[in-house]
Amino acid sequence: MNQIDLSSRVAIVTGGARGIGRAIAERFAASGARVAVWDVDDAAAKAAASEIAGAIDLVADVADPAGIAAALAATESRLGRPTSSSTMPASPAPTTRSTTIRARRGGR
């Protein structure tokens, strides 16, 4: 496996508790990133983060702007400002970069 140096990066992986999202979270961590595992399933997020070196878990529903804002604030306070993200939605709800931007601006 080739290695990318992400040692100065903070990554958010939504849907990071299982499947492709979990694999992405593991890869980010293996490359040195500090990883925030966001998932709607609290127990699964905790389990995944406990098995990924240096990862934290947060409950976040990407369809809820207030929840995204809260998870983003918690991520920034615990790991620093995110520099990378990967979105693996568990539902067919559309997820866009603008959703995250709106959440950072308080939903405006």
C-alpha atoms as a PDB file:
ATOM      1  CA  MET A   1       0.000   0.000   0.000  1.00  0.00           C
ATOM      2  CA  ASN A   2       1.423   3.384  -0.923  1.00  0.00           C
ATOM      3  CA  GLN A   3       1.659   5.942   1.857  1.00  0.00           C
ATOM      4  CA  ILE A   4       0.474   9.536   1.796  1.00  0.00           C
ATOM      5  CA  ASP A   5       1.714  11.845   4.557  1.00  0.00           C
ATOM      6  CA  LEU A   6      -1.357  13.223   6.291  1.00  0.00           C
ATOM      7  CA  SER A   7       0.351  13.829   9.625  1.00  0.00           C
ATOM      8  CA  SER A   8      -0.651  17.491   9.769  1.00  0.00           C
ATOM      9  CA  ARG A   9      -4.260  16.829   8.708  1.00  0.00           C
ATOM     10  CA  VAL A  10      -7.574  16.476  10.508  1.00  0.00           C
ATOM     11  CA  ALA A  11     -10.085  14.314   8.647  1.00  0.00           C
ATOM     12  CA  ILE A  12     -13.823  13.939   9.119  1.00  0.00           C
ATOM     13  CA  VAL A  13     -15.389  10.746   7.828  1.00  0.00           C
ATOM     14  CA  THR A  14     -19.177  10.710   7.878  1.00  0.00           C
ATOM     15  CA  GLY A  15     -20.607   7.228   7.888  1.00  0.00           C
ATOM     16  CA  GLY A  16     -17.217   6.226   9.281  1.00  0.00           C
ATOM     17  CA  ALA A  17     -18.440   3.508  11.633  1.00  0.00           C
ATOM     18  CA  ARG A  18     -18.610   0.726   9.077  1.00  0.00           C
ATOM     19  CA  GLY A  19     -18.138  -0.294   5.460  1.00  0.00           C
ATOM     20  CA  ILE A  20     -16.336   1.973   3.026  1.00  0.00           C
ATOM     21  CA  GLY A  21     -16.478   4.898   5.482  1.00  0.00           C
ATOM     22  CA  ARG A  22     -14.648   2.856   8.104  1.00  0.00           C
ATOM     23  CA  ALA A  23     -12.036   1.762   5.562  1.00  0.00           C
ATOM     24  CA  ILE A  24     -11.478   5.403   4.623  1.00  0.00           C
ATOM     25  CA  ALA A  25     -11.143   6.389   8.296  1.00  0.00           C
ATOM     26  CA  GLU A  26      -8.610   3.602   8.821  1.00  0.00           C
ATOM     27  CA  ARG A  27      -6.629   4.681   5.759  1.00  0.00           C
ATOM     28  CA  PHE A  28      -6.582   8.337   6.838  1.00  0.00           C
ATOM     29  CA  ALA A  29      -5.341   7.281  10.294  1.00  0.00           C
ATOM     30  CA  ALA A  30      -2.733   4.907   8.846  1.00  0.00           C
ATOM     31  CA  SER A  31      -1.441   7.856   6.810  1.00  0.00           C
ATOM     32  CA  GLY A  32      -1.093   9.958   9.963  1.00  0.00           C
ATOM     33  CA  ALA A  33      -4.280  12.041  10.005  1.00  0.00           C
ATOM     34  CA  ARG A  34      -6.235  12.737  13.170  1.00  0.00           C
ATOM     35  CA  VAL A  35      -9.653  11.283  12.368  1.00  0.00           C
ATOM     36  CA  ALA A  36     -13.163  12.152  13.503  1.00  0.00           C
ATOM     37  CA  VAL A  37     -15.566   9.272  12.883  1.00  0.00           C
ATOM     38  CA  TRP A  38     -19.036  10.784  12.434  1.00  0.00           C
ATOM     39  CA  ASP A  39     -21.988   8.417  12.303  1.00  0.00           C
ATOM     40  CA  VAL A  40     -25.681   8.310  13.237  1.00  0.00           C
ATOM     41  CA  ASP A  41     -25.040   5.082  15.176  1.00  0.00           C
ATOM     42  CA  ASP A  42     -23.390   6.133  18.445  1.00  0.00           C
ATOM     43  CA  ALA A  43     -22.337   2.627  19.534  1.00  0.00           C
ATOM     44  CA  ALA A  44     -20.868   1.790  16.125  1.00  0.00           C
ATOM     45  CA  ALA A  45     -19.001   5.108  15.971  1.00  0.00           C
ATOM     46  CA  LYS A  46     -17.525   4.515  19.445  1.00  0.00           C
ATOM     47  CA  ALA A  47     -16.485   0.974  18.494  1.00  0.00           C
ATOM     48  CA  ALA A  48     -14.835   2.112  15.253  1.00  0.00           C
ATOM     49  CA  ALA A  49     -13.009   5.036  16.868  1.00  0.00           C
ATOM     50  CA  SER A  50     -11.737   2.793  19.664  1.00  0.00           C
ATOM     51  CA  GLU A  51     -10.112   0.541  17.042  1.00  0.00           C
ATOM     52  CA  ILE A  52      -8.612   3.342  14.926  1.00  0.00           C
ATOM     53  CA  ALA A  53      -5.470   4.889  16.415  1.00  0.00           C
ATOM     54  CA  GLY A  54      -6.101   8.441  17.623  1.00  0.00           C
ATOM     55  CA  ALA A  55      -9.659   8.624  16.261  1.00  0.00           C
ATOM     56  CA  ILE A  56     -12.591  10.265  18.007  1.00  0.00           C
ATOM     57  CA  ASP A  57     -16.268   9.441  17.607  1.00  0.00           C
ATOM     58  CA  LEU A  58     -19.172  11.826  17.223  1.00  0.00           C
ATOM     59  CA  VAL A  59     -22.848  11.305  16.511  1.00  0.00           C
ATOM     60  CA  ALA A  60     -23.810  13.270  13.417  1.00  0.00           C
ATOM     61  CA  ASP A  61     -26.651  13.084  10.946  1.00  0.00           C
ATOM     62  CA  VAL A  62     -25.615  14.750   7.693  1.00  0.00           C
ATOM     63  CA  ALA A  63     -29.252  15.634   7.024  1.00  0.00           C
ATOM     64  CA  ASP A  64     -29.362  17.801  10.184  1.00  0.00           C
ATOM     65  CA  PRO A  65     -27.539  21.155   9.813  1.00  0.00           C
ATOM     66  CA  ALA A  66     -27.607  21.809  13.580  1.00  0.00           C
ATOM     67  CA  GLY A  67     -26.125  18.363  14.225  1.00  0.00           C
ATOM     68  CA  ILE A  68     -23.397  18.988  11.674  1.00  0.00           C
ATOM     69  CA  ALA A  69     -22.569  22.322  13.281  1.00  0.00           C
ATOM     70  CA  ALA A  70     -22.339  20.699  16.723  1.00  0.00           C
ATOM     71  CA  ALA A  71     -20.183  17.831  15.459  1.00  0.00           C
ATOM     72  CA  LEU A  72     -17.943  20.260  13.581  1.00  0.00           C
ATOM     73  CA  ALA A  73     -17.467  22.406  16.698  1.00  0.00           C
ATOM     74  CA  ALA A  74     -16.630  19.314  18.754  1.00  0.00           C
ATOM     75  CA  THR A  75     -14.194  18.081  16.102  1.00  0.00           C
ATOM     76  CA  GLU A  76     -12.443  21.456  15.954  1.00  0.00           C
ATOM     77  CA  SER A  77     -12.150  21.676  19.744  1.00  0.00           C
ATOM     78  CA  ARG A  78     -10.781  18.136  20.095  1.00  0.00           C
ATOM     79  CA  LEU A  79      -8.631  17.726  16.967  1.00  0.00           C
ATOM     80  CA  GLY A  80      -8.309  21.121  15.307  1.00  0.00           C
ATOM     81  CA  ARG A  81      -9.748  22.532  12.109  1.00  0.00           C
ATOM     82  CA  PRO A  82     -10.624  19.810   9.577  1.00  0.00           C
ATOM     83  CA  THR A  83      -8.567  19.756   6.403  1.00  0.00           C
ATOM     84  CA  SER A  84     -10.062  16.654   4.760  1.00  0.00           C
ATOM     85  CA  SER A  85     -13.416  14.941   4.670  1.00  0.00           C
ATOM     86  CA  SER A  86     -15.118  11.944   3.192  1.00  0.00           C
ATOM     87  CA  THR A  87     -18.877  11.534   3.129  1.00  0.00           C
ATOM     88  CA  MET A  88     -20.416   8.098   3.125  1.00  0.00           C
ATOM     89  CA  PRO A  89     -24.147   8.676   3.711  1.00  0.00           C
ATOM     90  CA  ALA A  90     -26.137   5.731   4.968  1.00  0.00           C
ATOM     91  CA  SER A  91     -29.354   7.101   3.503  1.00  0.00           C
ATOM     92  CA  PRO A  92     -30.288   8.471   0.095  1.00  0.00           C
ATOM     93  CA  ALA A  93     -30.420  12.004   1.530  1.00  0.00           C
ATOM     94  CA  PRO A  94     -28.320  14.342  -0.615  1.00  0.00           C
ATOM     95  CA  THR A  95     -25.135  15.586   1.002  1.00  0.00           C
ATOM     96  CA  THR A  96     -23.215  18.492  -0.416  1.00  0.00           C
ATOM     97  CA  ARG A  97     -20.280  20.648   0.491  1.00  0.00           C
ATOM     98  CA  SER A  98     -22.695  23.578   0.812  1.00  0.00           C
ATOM     99  CA  THR A  99     -24.472  21.768   3.681  1.00  0.00           C
ATOM    100  CA  THR A 100     -21.234  21.832   5.668  1.00  0.00           C
ATOM    101  CA  ILE A 101     -20.536  25.434   4.728  1.00  0.00           C
ATOM    102  CA  ARG A 102     -24.048  26.469   5.822  1.00  0.00           C
ATOM    103  CA  ALA A 103     -23.560  24.597   9.098  1.00  0.00           C
ATOM    104  CA  ARG A 104     -20.322  26.483   9.754  1.00  0.00           C
ATOM    105  CA  ARG A 105     -22.223  29.736   9.233  1.00  0.00           C
ATOM    106  CA  GLY A 106     -24.948  28.735  11.640  1.00  0.00           C
ATOM    107  CA  GLY A 107     -27.323  27.388   9.005  1.00  0.00           C
ATOM    108  CA  ARG A 108     -27.557  30.561   6.896  1.00  0.00           C
END
